[in-house]
């Protein structure tokens, strides 16, 4: 074997070793809203006496997830604010109005992650920018991995639950001191692309 052949053989071996040891990149998952396997739910105190529950029925998004390196993951979600639903037509009309969501001027809200911290790959803090009514605020979502694996249709899925809390005042909304915060629960199941 000539020196040139030896060089190429060694180079090919090194490339194959490096290729085997390179970390896998994060997979992209499409959030499964078509199958209704994802939910954005909220609750707000009603005068300090009870909770009003609701959700957004129209949203879309995707996330990247690498179980070996969860900090390399990311998520992006767009929400149709006009799809707010609190199971009461008059209240929903009020929520869509200028005093609250102002959906005619701001038909979309969004969340884009900026970084993710996870010590164990199961629990994470998702930091990101949430935009509502043209105002962007930094928020943190406390998330937990529910599970991942193959589905009966030949696909691969991963699911997460998350919670966060928003200040109404941050987005120019006010229902009084007993209703100052919006509590949000997220259920996100994605299909690997």
C-alpha atoms as a PDB file:
ATOM      1  CA  UNK A   1       0.000   0.000   0.000  1.00  0.00           C
ATOM      2  CA  UNK A   2       1.413   3.387  -1.011  1.00  0.00           C
ATOM      3  CA  UNK A   3       1.665   6.313   1.381  1.00  0.00           C
ATOM      4  CA  UNK A   4      -1.212   8.032  -0.431  1.00  0.00           C
ATOM      5  CA  UNK A   5      -3.415   4.914  -0.130  1.00  0.00           C
ATOM      6  CA  UNK A   6      -2.523   4.660   3.591  1.00  0.00           C
ATOM      7  CA  UNK A   7      -3.408   8.339   4.079  1.00  0.00           C
ATOM      8  CA  UNK A   8      -6.829   7.894   2.443  1.00  0.00           C
ATOM      9  CA  UNK A   9      -7.486   4.693   4.400  1.00  0.00           C
ATOM     10  CA  UNK A  10      -6.646   6.416   7.697  1.00  0.00           C
ATOM     11  CA  UNK A  11      -8.714   9.474   6.703  1.00  0.00           C
ATOM     12  CA  UNK A  12     -11.701   7.279   5.787  1.00  0.00           C
ATOM     13  CA  UNK A  13     -11.413   5.429   9.114  1.00  0.00           C
ATOM     14  CA  UNK A  14     -11.237   8.724  11.056  1.00  0.00           C
ATOM     15  CA  UNK A  15     -14.284  10.081   9.213  1.00  0.00           C
ATOM     16  CA  UNK A  16     -16.252   6.911   9.949  1.00  0.00           C
ATOM     17  CA  UNK A  17     -15.329   7.069  13.661  1.00  0.00           C
ATOM     18  CA  UNK A  18     -16.233  10.758  13.875  1.00  0.00           C
ATOM     19  CA  UNK A  19     -19.496  10.109  12.080  1.00  0.00           C
ATOM     20  CA  UNK A  20     -20.418   7.365  14.533  1.00  0.00           C
ATOM     21  CA  UNK A  21     -19.572   9.463  17.547  1.00  0.00           C
ATOM     22  CA  UNK A  22     -21.242  12.678  16.368  1.00  0.00           C
ATOM     23  CA  UNK A  23     -24.286  13.573  18.430  1.00  0.00           C
ATOM     24  CA  UNK A  24     -27.690  13.082  16.854  1.00  0.00           C
ATOM     25  CA  UNK A  25     -29.460  16.285  15.967  1.00  0.00           C
ATOM     26  CA  UNK A  26     -32.832  17.215  17.361  1.00  0.00           C
ATOM     27  CA  UNK A  27     -35.805  15.790  15.468  1.00  0.00           C
ATOM     28  CA  UNK A  28     -38.619  18.067  14.324  1.00  0.00           C
ATOM     29  CA  UNK A  29     -42.155  17.326  15.539  1.00  0.00           C
ATOM     30  CA  UNK A  30     -45.367  18.854  14.214  1.00  0.00           C
ATOM     31  CA  UNK A  31     -47.841  19.596  17.010  1.00  0.00           C
ATOM     32  CA  UNK A  32     -50.860  17.314  16.504  1.00  0.00           C
ATOM     33  CA  UNK A  33     -53.765  19.742  16.489  1.00  0.00           C
ATOM     34  CA  UNK A  34     -55.572  17.901  13.663  1.00  0.00           C
ATOM     35  CA  UNK A  35     -56.019  14.843  15.866  1.00  0.00           C
ATOM     36  CA  UNK A  36     -56.847  17.062  18.872  1.00  0.00           C
ATOM     37  CA  UNK A  37     -53.865  15.769  20.835  1.00  0.00           C
ATOM     38  CA  UNK A  38     -52.705  19.220  21.919  1.00  0.00           C
ATOM     39  CA  UNK A  39     -54.424  21.816  24.107  1.00  0.00           C
ATOM     40  CA  UNK A  40     -53.900  25.372  25.327  1.00  0.00           C
ATOM     41  CA  UNK A  41     -56.080  25.791  28.412  1.00  0.00           C
ATOM     42  CA  UNK A  42     -56.354  28.724  30.784  1.00  0.00           C
ATOM     43  CA  UNK A  43     -58.102  29.735  33.974  1.00  0.00           C
ATOM     44  CA  UNK A  44     -58.730  33.127  35.542  1.00  0.00           C
ATOM     45  CA  UNK A  45     -60.147  33.899  38.954  1.00  0.00           C
ATOM     46  CA  UNK A  46     -63.688  35.285  38.861  1.00  0.00           C
ATOM     47  CA  UNK A  47     -63.744  38.003  41.541  1.00  0.00           C
ATOM     48  CA  UNK A  48     -61.804  35.693  43.836  1.00  0.00           C
ATOM     49  CA  UNK A  49     -64.839  33.385  44.222  1.00  0.00           C
ATOM     50  CA  UNK A  50     -64.328  30.765  41.495  1.00  0.00           C
ATOM     51  CA  UNK A  51     -62.336  29.959  38.370  1.00  0.00           C
ATOM     52  CA  UNK A  52     -63.376  30.644  34.795  1.00  0.00           C
ATOM     53  CA  UNK A  53     -61.838  28.037  32.485  1.00  0.00           C
ATOM     54  CA  UNK A  54     -61.256  28.300  28.762  1.00  0.00           C
ATOM     55  CA  UNK A  55     -59.030  27.359  25.875  1.00  0.00           C
ATOM     56  CA  UNK A  56     -57.876  28.318  22.411  1.00  0.00           C
ATOM     57  CA  UNK A  57     -59.223  25.917  19.810  1.00  0.00           C
ATOM     58  CA  UNK A  58     -57.091  27.015  16.842  1.00  0.00           C
ATOM     59  CA  UNK A  59     -53.311  27.001  17.054  1.00  0.00           C
ATOM     60  CA  UNK A  60     -50.343  25.440  15.298  1.00  0.00           C
ATOM     61  CA  UNK A  61     -46.675  24.892  15.862  1.00  0.00           C
ATOM     62  CA  UNK A  62     -43.711  22.603  15.955  1.00  0.00           C
ATOM     63  CA  UNK A  63     -40.862  21.682  18.239  1.00  0.00           C
ATOM     64  CA  UNK A  64     -37.402  20.182  17.977  1.00  0.00           C
ATOM     65  CA  UNK A  65     -36.498  17.578  20.549  1.00  0.00           C
ATOM     66  CA  UNK A  66     -33.340  15.601  21.227  1.00  0.00           C
ATOM     67  CA  UNK A  67     -33.751  13.318  24.280  1.00  0.00           C
ATOM     68  CA  UNK A  68     -29.958  13.007  24.574  1.00  0.00           C
ATOM     69  CA  UNK A  69     -29.546  16.783  24.633  1.00  0.00           C
ATOM     70  CA  UNK A  70     -32.832  18.425  25.714  1.00  0.00           C
ATOM     71  CA  UNK A  71     -31.179  21.832  26.023  1.00  0.00           C
ATOM     72  CA  UNK A  72     -30.800  21.802  22.207  1.00  0.00           C
ATOM     73  CA  UNK A  73     -34.576  21.556  21.834  1.00  0.00           C
ATOM     74  CA  UNK A  74     -36.884  24.416  20.831  1.00  0.00           C
ATOM     75  CA  UNK A  75     -40.572  25.187  20.287  1.00  0.00           C
ATOM     76  CA  UNK A  76     -42.652  27.672  18.326  1.00  0.00           C
ATOM     77  CA  UNK A  77     -46.448  28.094  18.584  1.00  0.00           C
ATOM     78  CA  UNK A  78     -48.901  30.452  16.862  1.00  0.00           C
ATOM     79  CA  UNK A  79     -52.362  30.973  18.387  1.00  0.00           C
ATOM     80  CA  UNK A  80     -55.478  32.297  16.666  1.00  0.00           C
ATOM     81  CA  UNK A  81     -56.749  34.607  19.429  1.00  0.00           C
ATOM     82  CA  UNK A  82     -60.234  34.700  17.889  1.00  0.00           C
ATOM     83  CA  UNK A  83     -60.557  30.996  18.794  1.00  0.00           C
ATOM     84  CA  UNK A  84     -60.851  31.785  22.519  1.00  0.00           C
ATOM     85  CA  UNK A  85     -63.547  29.615  24.081  1.00  0.00           C
ATOM     86  CA  UNK A  86     -64.827  29.851  27.665  1.00  0.00           C
ATOM     87  CA  UNK A  87     -68.089  27.944  27.005  1.00  0.00           C
ATOM     88  CA  UNK A  88     -70.102  31.165  27.230  1.00  0.00           C
ATOM     89  CA  UNK A  89     -70.835  33.088  23.994  1.00  0.00           C
ATOM     90  CA  UNK A  90     -71.320  36.519  25.558  1.00  0.00           C
ATOM     91  CA  UNK A  91     -68.172  36.249  27.651  1.00  0.00           C
ATOM     92  CA  UNK A  92     -66.191  35.072  24.606  1.00  0.00           C
ATOM     93  CA  UNK A  93     -67.427  38.092  22.649  1.00  0.00           C
ATOM     94  CA  UNK A  94     -66.246  40.281  25.535  1.00  0.00           C
ATOM     95  CA  UNK A  95     -62.851  38.521  25.616  1.00  0.00           C
ATOM     96  CA  UNK A  96     -62.392  39.137  21.863  1.00  0.00           C
ATOM     97  CA  UNK A  97     -63.112  42.853  22.323  1.00  0.00           C
ATOM     98  CA  UNK A  98     -60.716  45.786  22.598  1.00  0.00           C
ATOM     99  CA  UNK A  99     -60.583  45.707  26.402  1.00  0.00           C
ATOM    100  CA  UNK A 100     -59.062  42.226  26.410  1.00  0.00           C
ATOM    101  CA  UNK A 101     -57.633  40.252  23.450  1.00  0.00           C
ATOM    102  CA  UNK A 102     -58.589  42.839  20.793  1.00  0.00           C
ATOM    103  CA  UNK A 103     -58.666  40.078  18.177  1.00  0.00           C
ATOM    104  CA  UNK A 104     -59.658  42.385  15.311  1.00  0.00           C
ATOM    105  CA  UNK A 105     -56.343  44.235  15.633  1.00  0.00           C
ATOM    106  CA  UNK A 106     -54.223  41.366  17.019  1.00  0.00           C
ATOM    107  CA  UNK A 107     -55.524  38.096  15.514  1.00  0.00           C
ATOM    108  CA  UNK A 108     -52.475  36.092  16.537  1.00  0.00           C
ATOM    109  CA  UNK A 109     -50.413  35.423  19.644  1.00  0.00           C
ATOM    110  CA  UNK A 110     -47.153  33.493  19.584  1.00  0.00           C
ATOM    111  CA  UNK A 111     -44.514  31.817  21.694  1.00  0.00           C
ATOM    112  CA  UNK A 112     -40.924  31.235  20.571  1.00  0.00           C
ATOM    113  CA  UNK A 113     -38.467  29.558  22.911  1.00  0.00           C
ATOM    114  CA  UNK A 114     -35.055  31.146  23.455  1.00  0.00           C
ATOM    115  CA  UNK A 115     -33.462  28.478  25.651  1.00  0.00           C
ATOM    116  CA  UNK A 116     -34.311  25.286  27.514  1.00  0.00           C
ATOM    117  CA  UNK A 117     -32.805  24.012  30.756  1.00  0.00           C
ATOM    118  CA  UNK A 118     -33.127  20.386  31.860  1.00  0.00           C
ATOM    119  CA  UNK A 119     -31.170  18.425  34.454  1.00  0.00           C
ATOM    120  CA  UNK A 120     -32.760  15.025  33.938  1.00  0.00           C
ATOM    121  CA  UNK A 121     -34.297  15.018  30.433  1.00  0.00           C
ATOM    122  CA  UNK A 122     -37.778  14.643  31.954  1.00  0.00           C
ATOM    123  CA  UNK A 123     -38.349  18.067  33.511  1.00  0.00           C
ATOM    124  CA  UNK A 124     -37.460  21.353  31.870  1.00  0.00           C
ATOM    125  CA  UNK A 125     -37.734  25.103  32.133  1.00  0.00           C
ATOM    126  CA  UNK A 126     -38.573  26.577  28.746  1.00  0.00           C
ATOM    127  CA  UNK A 127     -37.632  30.245  28.435  1.00  0.00           C
ATOM    128  CA  UNK A 128     -39.061  32.259  25.597  1.00  0.00           C
ATOM    129  CA  UNK A 129     -40.839  35.264  24.151  1.00  0.00           C
ATOM    130  CA  UNK A 130     -44.624  35.383  24.341  1.00  0.00           C
ATOM    131  CA  UNK A 131     -46.366  37.964  22.159  1.00  0.00           C
ATOM    132  CA  UNK A 132     -49.973  39.014  22.784  1.00  0.00           C
ATOM    133  CA  UNK A 133     -51.704  42.215  21.635  1.00  0.00           C
ATOM    134  CA  UNK A 134     -48.446  43.370  20.045  1.00  0.00           C
ATOM    135  CA  UNK A 135     -46.590  43.163  23.379  1.00  0.00           C
ATOM    136  CA  UNK A 136     -43.730  40.703  23.831  1.00  0.00           C
ATOM    137  CA  UNK A 137     -42.757  39.497  27.290  1.00  0.00           C
ATOM    138  CA  UNK A 138     -40.267  36.931  28.500  1.00  0.00           C
ATOM    139  CA  UNK A 139     -41.981  33.969  30.169  1.00  0.00           C
ATOM    140  CA  UNK A 140     -40.949  30.600  31.608  1.00  0.00           C
ATOM    141  CA  UNK A 141     -42.881  27.376  31.058  1.00  0.00           C
ATOM    142  CA  UNK A 142     -42.369  24.587  33.585  1.00  0.00           C
ATOM    143  CA  UNK A 143     -42.558  21.437  31.466  1.00  0.00           C
ATOM    144  CA  UNK A 144     -42.485  17.698  32.008  1.00  0.00           C
ATOM    145  CA  UNK A 145     -42.046  14.986  29.411  1.00  0.00           C
ATOM    146  CA  UNK A 146     -45.097  12.689  29.360  1.00  0.00           C
ATOM    147  CA  UNK A 147     -43.637  10.094  27.006  1.00  0.00           C
ATOM    148  CA  UNK A 148     -42.430   9.216  23.534  1.00  0.00           C
ATOM    149  CA  UNK A 149     -42.548   6.271  21.179  1.00  0.00           C
ATOM    150  CA  UNK A 150     -44.109   4.675  18.122  1.00  0.00           C
ATOM    151  CA  UNK A 151     -47.815   5.093  17.429  1.00  0.00           C
ATOM    152  CA  UNK A 152     -50.176   2.475  15.864  1.00  0.00           C
ATOM    153  CA  UNK A 153     -49.981   4.204  12.452  1.00  0.00           C
ATOM    154  CA  UNK A 154     -46.235   3.845  11.943  1.00  0.00           C
ATOM    155  CA  UNK A 155     -45.295   7.290  13.219  1.00  0.00           C
ATOM    156  CA  UNK A 156     -43.273   8.416  16.205  1.00  0.00           C
ATOM    157  CA  UNK A 157     -44.622  10.814  18.841  1.00  0.00           C
ATOM    158  CA  UNK A 158     -43.431  12.761  21.856  1.00  0.00           C
ATOM    159  CA  UNK A 159     -45.634  14.511  24.399  1.00  0.00           C
ATOM    160  CA  UNK A 160     -45.158  17.149  27.092  1.00  0.00           C
ATOM    161  CA  UNK A 161     -47.214  19.029  29.690  1.00  0.00           C
ATOM    162  CA  UNK A 162     -46.432  22.546  30.761  1.00  0.00           C
ATOM    163  CA  UNK A 163     -47.658  25.363  32.981  1.00  0.00           C
ATOM    164  CA  UNK A 164     -47.026  29.077  33.129  1.00  0.00           C
ATOM    165  CA  UNK A 165     -48.608  32.210  34.520  1.00  0.00           C
ATOM    166  CA  UNK A 166     -49.108  35.575  32.823  1.00  0.00           C
ATOM    167  CA  UNK A 167     -49.819  38.958  34.356  1.00  0.00           C
ATOM    168  CA  UNK A 168     -52.869  40.569  32.738  1.00  0.00           C
ATOM    169  CA  UNK A 169     -51.373  44.016  33.324  1.00  0.00           C
ATOM    170  CA  UNK A 170     -48.381  43.103  31.134  1.00  0.00           C
ATOM    171  CA  UNK A 171     -50.764  42.886  28.188  1.00  0.00           C
ATOM    172  CA  UNK A 172     -53.004  45.834  29.048  1.00  0.00           C
ATOM    173  CA  UNK A 173     -55.871  43.748  30.436  1.00  0.00           C
ATOM    174  CA  UNK A 174     -57.530  44.273  33.800  1.00  0.00           C
ATOM    175  CA  UNK A 175     -60.265  42.403  35.641  1.00  0.00           C
ATOM    176  CA  UNK A 176     -59.339  43.684  39.089  1.00  0.00           C
ATOM    177  CA  UNK A 177     -56.830  42.531  41.734  1.00  0.00           C
ATOM    178  CA  UNK A 178     -58.474  39.134  42.309  1.00  0.00           C
ATOM    179  CA  UNK A 179     -58.072  38.314  38.612  1.00  0.00           C
ATOM    180  CA  UNK A 180     -54.613  39.719  37.984  1.00  0.00           C
ATOM    181  CA  UNK A 181     -53.057  36.528  36.596  1.00  0.00           C
ATOM    182  CA  UNK A 182     -53.881  34.063  33.852  1.00  0.00           C
ATOM    183  CA  UNK A 183     -52.889  30.463  34.631  1.00  0.00           C
ATOM    184  CA  UNK A 184     -52.065  28.467  31.498  1.00  0.00           C
ATOM    185  CA  UNK A 185     -51.778  24.710  31.078  1.00  0.00           C
ATOM    186  CA  UNK A 186     -50.322  23.234  27.910  1.00  0.00           C
ATOM    187  CA  UNK A 187     -50.639  19.691  26.603  1.00  0.00           C
ATOM    188  CA  UNK A 188     -48.454  19.190  23.551  1.00  0.00           C
ATOM    189  CA  UNK A 189     -48.144  15.997  21.515  1.00  0.00           C
ATOM    190  CA  UNK A 190     -46.035  16.096  18.392  1.00  0.00           C
ATOM    191  CA  UNK A 191     -45.566  13.784  15.408  1.00  0.00           C
ATOM    192  CA  UNK A 192     -41.969  13.357  14.262  1.00  0.00           C
ATOM    193  CA  UNK A 193     -41.482  14.559  10.698  1.00  0.00           C
END
